[in-house]
Amino acid sequence: MTEINGPTTIFSIAWGKKNFDVVCFDRAAKDIFGCSAQEFFDFDTLHPFAVKSASDALVGEMFRITLKKAVKRDAEHLRMTEVVPLRSNFKPVIITLKEQYQAIYGAKD
């Protein structure tokens, strides 16, 4: 599951038998999305189902992720600091979605 909220993104990730939410800021988000979280948020305003489509596109994808504890003591989530796709032909989400929207609607964005 992916949740976009302005410049931050929250991912639900699975590791072993555990699922947990992590915060992904722009540096790591660019590796997954191909753009900043804010740019994806703007894309979502034009395409209301983009977040759901992005979430669907990422199901089953495998990444090497570096997690870091938050600096603030009261922070709820771990931070995703580095992301490396494990599939050599991985396309960033924004490219995949733009291709889908262009094929379905003839949309350019």
C-alpha atoms as a PDB file:
ATOM      1  CA  MET A   1       0.000   0.000   0.000  1.00  0.00           C
ATOM      2  CA  THR A   2       1.190   3.470  -0.828  1.00  0.00           C
ATOM      3  CA  GLU A   3      -0.124   6.684   0.675  1.00  0.00           C
ATOM      4  CA  ILE A   4       0.914  10.045  -0.734  1.00  0.00           C
ATOM      5  CA  ASN A   5       0.677  13.091   1.501  1.00  0.00           C
ATOM      6  CA  GLY A   6       2.445  16.045  -0.100  1.00  0.00           C
ATOM      7  CA  PRO A   7       6.227  15.663   0.043  1.00  0.00           C
ATOM      8  CA  THR A   8       6.210  12.404   2.031  1.00  0.00           C
ATOM      9  CA  THR A   9       5.073   8.925   1.128  1.00  0.00           C
ATOM     10  CA  ILE A  10       4.203   6.060   3.464  1.00  0.00           C
ATOM     11  CA  PHE A  11       4.808   2.491   2.318  1.00  0.00           C
ATOM     12  CA  SER A  12       3.578  -0.697   3.882  1.00  0.00           C
ATOM     13  CA  ILE A  13       6.367  -3.217   3.424  1.00  0.00           C
ATOM     14  CA  ALA A  14       6.704  -6.889   4.227  1.00  0.00           C
ATOM     15  CA  TRP A  15       9.814  -8.399   5.725  1.00  0.00           C
ATOM     16  CA  GLY A  16       9.675 -12.042   6.650  1.00  0.00           C
ATOM     17  CA  LYS A  17       6.329 -12.523   8.358  1.00  0.00           C
ATOM     18  CA  LYS A  18       6.013  -8.892   9.460  1.00  0.00           C
ATOM     19  CA  ASN A  19       4.350  -5.930   7.765  1.00  0.00           C
ATOM     20  CA  PHE A  20       5.096  -2.399   8.839  1.00  0.00           C
ATOM     21  CA  ASP A  21       4.790   1.157   7.589  1.00  0.00           C
ATOM     22  CA  VAL A  22       7.813   3.257   6.692  1.00  0.00           C
ATOM     23  CA  VAL A  23       8.136   6.891   5.658  1.00  0.00           C
ATOM     24  CA  CYS A  24       9.775   7.567   2.311  1.00  0.00           C
ATOM     25  CA  PHE A  25      11.069  11.075   1.605  1.00  0.00           C
ATOM     26  CA  ASP A  26      12.011  12.495  -1.794  1.00  0.00           C
ATOM     27  CA  ARG A  27      15.514  11.061  -2.160  1.00  0.00           C
ATOM     28  CA  ALA A  28      14.302   7.474  -1.823  1.00  0.00           C
ATOM     29  CA  ALA A  29      10.950   8.188  -3.506  1.00  0.00           C
ATOM     30  CA  LYS A  30      12.717   9.251  -6.708  1.00  0.00           C
ATOM     31  CA  ASP A  31      14.196   5.758  -7.056  1.00  0.00           C
ATOM     32  CA  ILE A  32      10.741   4.170  -6.918  1.00  0.00           C
ATOM     33  CA  PHE A  33       8.558   6.811  -8.536  1.00  0.00           C
ATOM     34  CA  GLY A  34      10.992   8.465 -10.936  1.00  0.00           C
ATOM     35  CA  CYS A  35       9.953  11.847  -9.506  1.00  0.00           C
ATOM     36  CA  SER A  36       9.590  13.550  -6.150  1.00  0.00           C
ATOM     37  CA  ALA A  37       6.663  12.744  -3.887  1.00  0.00           C
ATOM     38  CA  GLN A  38       5.333  16.269  -4.537  1.00  0.00           C
ATOM     39  CA  GLU A  39       5.460  15.744  -8.326  1.00  0.00           C
ATOM     40  CA  PHE A  40       3.590  12.463  -7.912  1.00  0.00           C
ATOM     41  CA  PHE A  41       1.055  14.201  -5.650  1.00  0.00           C
ATOM     42  CA  ASP A  42       0.519  16.771  -8.430  1.00  0.00           C
ATOM     43  CA  PHE A  43       0.132  13.949 -10.987  1.00  0.00           C
ATOM     44  CA  ASP A  44      -2.453  12.357  -8.704  1.00  0.00           C
ATOM     45  CA  THR A  45      -4.546  15.527  -8.694  1.00  0.00           C
ATOM     46  CA  LEU A  46      -4.914  15.147 -12.474  1.00  0.00           C
ATOM     47  CA  HIS A  47      -5.412  11.369 -12.331  1.00  0.00           C
ATOM     48  CA  PRO A  48      -7.476  10.465  -9.236  1.00  0.00           C
ATOM     49  CA  PHE A  49      -6.691   6.734  -9.379  1.00  0.00           C
ATOM     50  CA  ALA A  50      -2.918   7.193  -9.705  1.00  0.00           C
ATOM     51  CA  VAL A  51      -2.170   6.254  -6.080  1.00  0.00           C
ATOM     52  CA  LYS A  52      -4.187   3.028  -6.353  1.00  0.00           C
ATOM     53  CA  SER A  53      -2.568   2.253  -9.719  1.00  0.00           C
ATOM     54  CA  ALA A  54       0.893   2.935  -8.266  1.00  0.00           C
ATOM     55  CA  SER A  55       0.152   0.675  -5.335  1.00  0.00           C
ATOM     56  CA  ASP A  56      -0.984  -2.071  -7.714  1.00  0.00           C
ATOM     57  CA  ALA A  57       2.112  -1.610  -9.890  1.00  0.00           C
ATOM     58  CA  LEU A  58       4.396  -2.076  -6.878  1.00  0.00           C
ATOM     59  CA  VAL A  59       2.764  -5.263  -5.575  1.00  0.00           C
ATOM     60  CA  GLY A  60       5.327  -8.045  -5.830  1.00  0.00           C
ATOM     61  CA  GLU A  61       8.235  -5.733  -6.653  1.00  0.00           C
ATOM     62  CA  MET A  62      11.348  -6.437  -4.654  1.00  0.00           C
ATOM     63  CA  PHE A  63      13.769  -3.775  -3.491  1.00  0.00           C
ATOM     64  CA  ARG A  64      16.838  -3.600  -1.311  1.00  0.00           C
ATOM     65  CA  ILE A  65      15.832  -0.997   1.239  1.00  0.00           C
ATOM     66  CA  THR A  66      17.897   0.733   3.887  1.00  0.00           C
ATOM     67  CA  LEU A  67      15.830   1.757   6.898  1.00  0.00           C
ATOM     68  CA  LYS A  68      16.812   4.194   9.615  1.00  0.00           C
ATOM     69  CA  LYS A  69      15.208   5.048  12.922  1.00  0.00           C
ATOM     70  CA  ALA A  70      13.620   8.482  12.953  1.00  0.00           C
ATOM     71  CA  VAL A  71      15.573  11.258  14.629  1.00  0.00           C
ATOM     72  CA  LYS A  72      12.552  12.426  16.619  1.00  0.00           C
ATOM     73  CA  ARG A  73      11.742  10.175  19.548  1.00  0.00           C
ATOM     74  CA  ASP A  74       7.998  10.426  19.047  1.00  0.00           C
ATOM     75  CA  ALA A  75       8.135   9.571  15.324  1.00  0.00           C
ATOM     76  CA  GLU A  76       5.824   6.721  14.480  1.00  0.00           C
ATOM     77  CA  HIS A  77       7.587   5.165  11.475  1.00  0.00           C
ATOM     78  CA  LEU A  78      11.047   4.093  10.363  1.00  0.00           C
ATOM     79  CA  ARG A  79      12.566   6.111   7.508  1.00  0.00           C
ATOM     80  CA  MET A  80      13.427   4.634   4.118  1.00  0.00           C
ATOM     81  CA  THR A  81      16.792   6.159   3.212  1.00  0.00           C
ATOM     82  CA  GLU A  82      17.905   4.106   0.216  1.00  0.00           C
ATOM     83  CA  VAL A  83      16.020   2.014  -2.329  1.00  0.00           C
ATOM     84  CA  VAL A  84      17.482  -0.235  -5.030  1.00  0.00           C
ATOM     85  CA  PRO A  85      15.150  -2.197  -7.330  1.00  0.00           C
ATOM     86  CA  LEU A  86      16.151  -5.860  -7.594  1.00  0.00           C
ATOM     87  CA  ARG A  87      14.641  -6.325 -11.050  1.00  0.00           C
ATOM     88  CA  SER A  88      16.992  -5.140 -13.815  1.00  0.00           C
ATOM     89  CA  ASN A  89      14.171  -3.943 -16.076  1.00  0.00           C
ATOM     90  CA  PHE A  90      12.282  -2.062 -13.328  1.00  0.00           C
ATOM     91  CA  LYS A  91      10.588   1.095 -14.579  1.00  0.00           C
ATOM     92  CA  PRO A  92       9.810   3.925 -12.177  1.00  0.00           C
ATOM     93  CA  VAL A  93       6.119   4.116 -11.302  1.00  0.00           C
ATOM     94  CA  ILE A  94       5.528   7.465 -13.008  1.00  0.00           C
ATOM     95  CA  ILE A  95       6.737   6.063 -16.335  1.00  0.00           C
ATOM     96  CA  THR A  96       4.528   2.982 -15.990  1.00  0.00           C
ATOM     97  CA  LEU A  97       1.473   5.084 -15.141  1.00  0.00           C
ATOM     98  CA  LYS A  98       2.055   7.592 -17.939  1.00  0.00           C
ATOM     99  CA  GLU A  99       2.314   4.702 -20.403  1.00  0.00           C
ATOM    100  CA  GLN A 100      -0.930   3.211 -19.048  1.00  0.00           C
ATOM    101  CA  TYR A 101      -2.817   6.508 -19.168  1.00  0.00           C
ATOM    102  CA  GLN A 102      -1.551   7.224 -22.668  1.00  0.00           C
ATOM    103  CA  ALA A 103      -2.637   3.761 -23.865  1.00  0.00           C
ATOM    104  CA  ILE A 104      -6.065   3.984 -22.209  1.00  0.00           C
ATOM    105  CA  TYR A 105      -6.999   7.640 -22.586  1.00  0.00           C
ATOM    106  CA  GLY A 106      -4.520   9.041 -25.057  1.00  0.00           C
ATOM    107  CA  ALA A 107      -3.345  11.294 -22.217  1.00  0.00           C
ATOM    108  CA  LYS A 108       0.075  12.896 -22.544  1.00  0.00           C
ATOM    109  CA  ASP A 109       0.691  13.362 -18.784  1.00  0.00           C
END
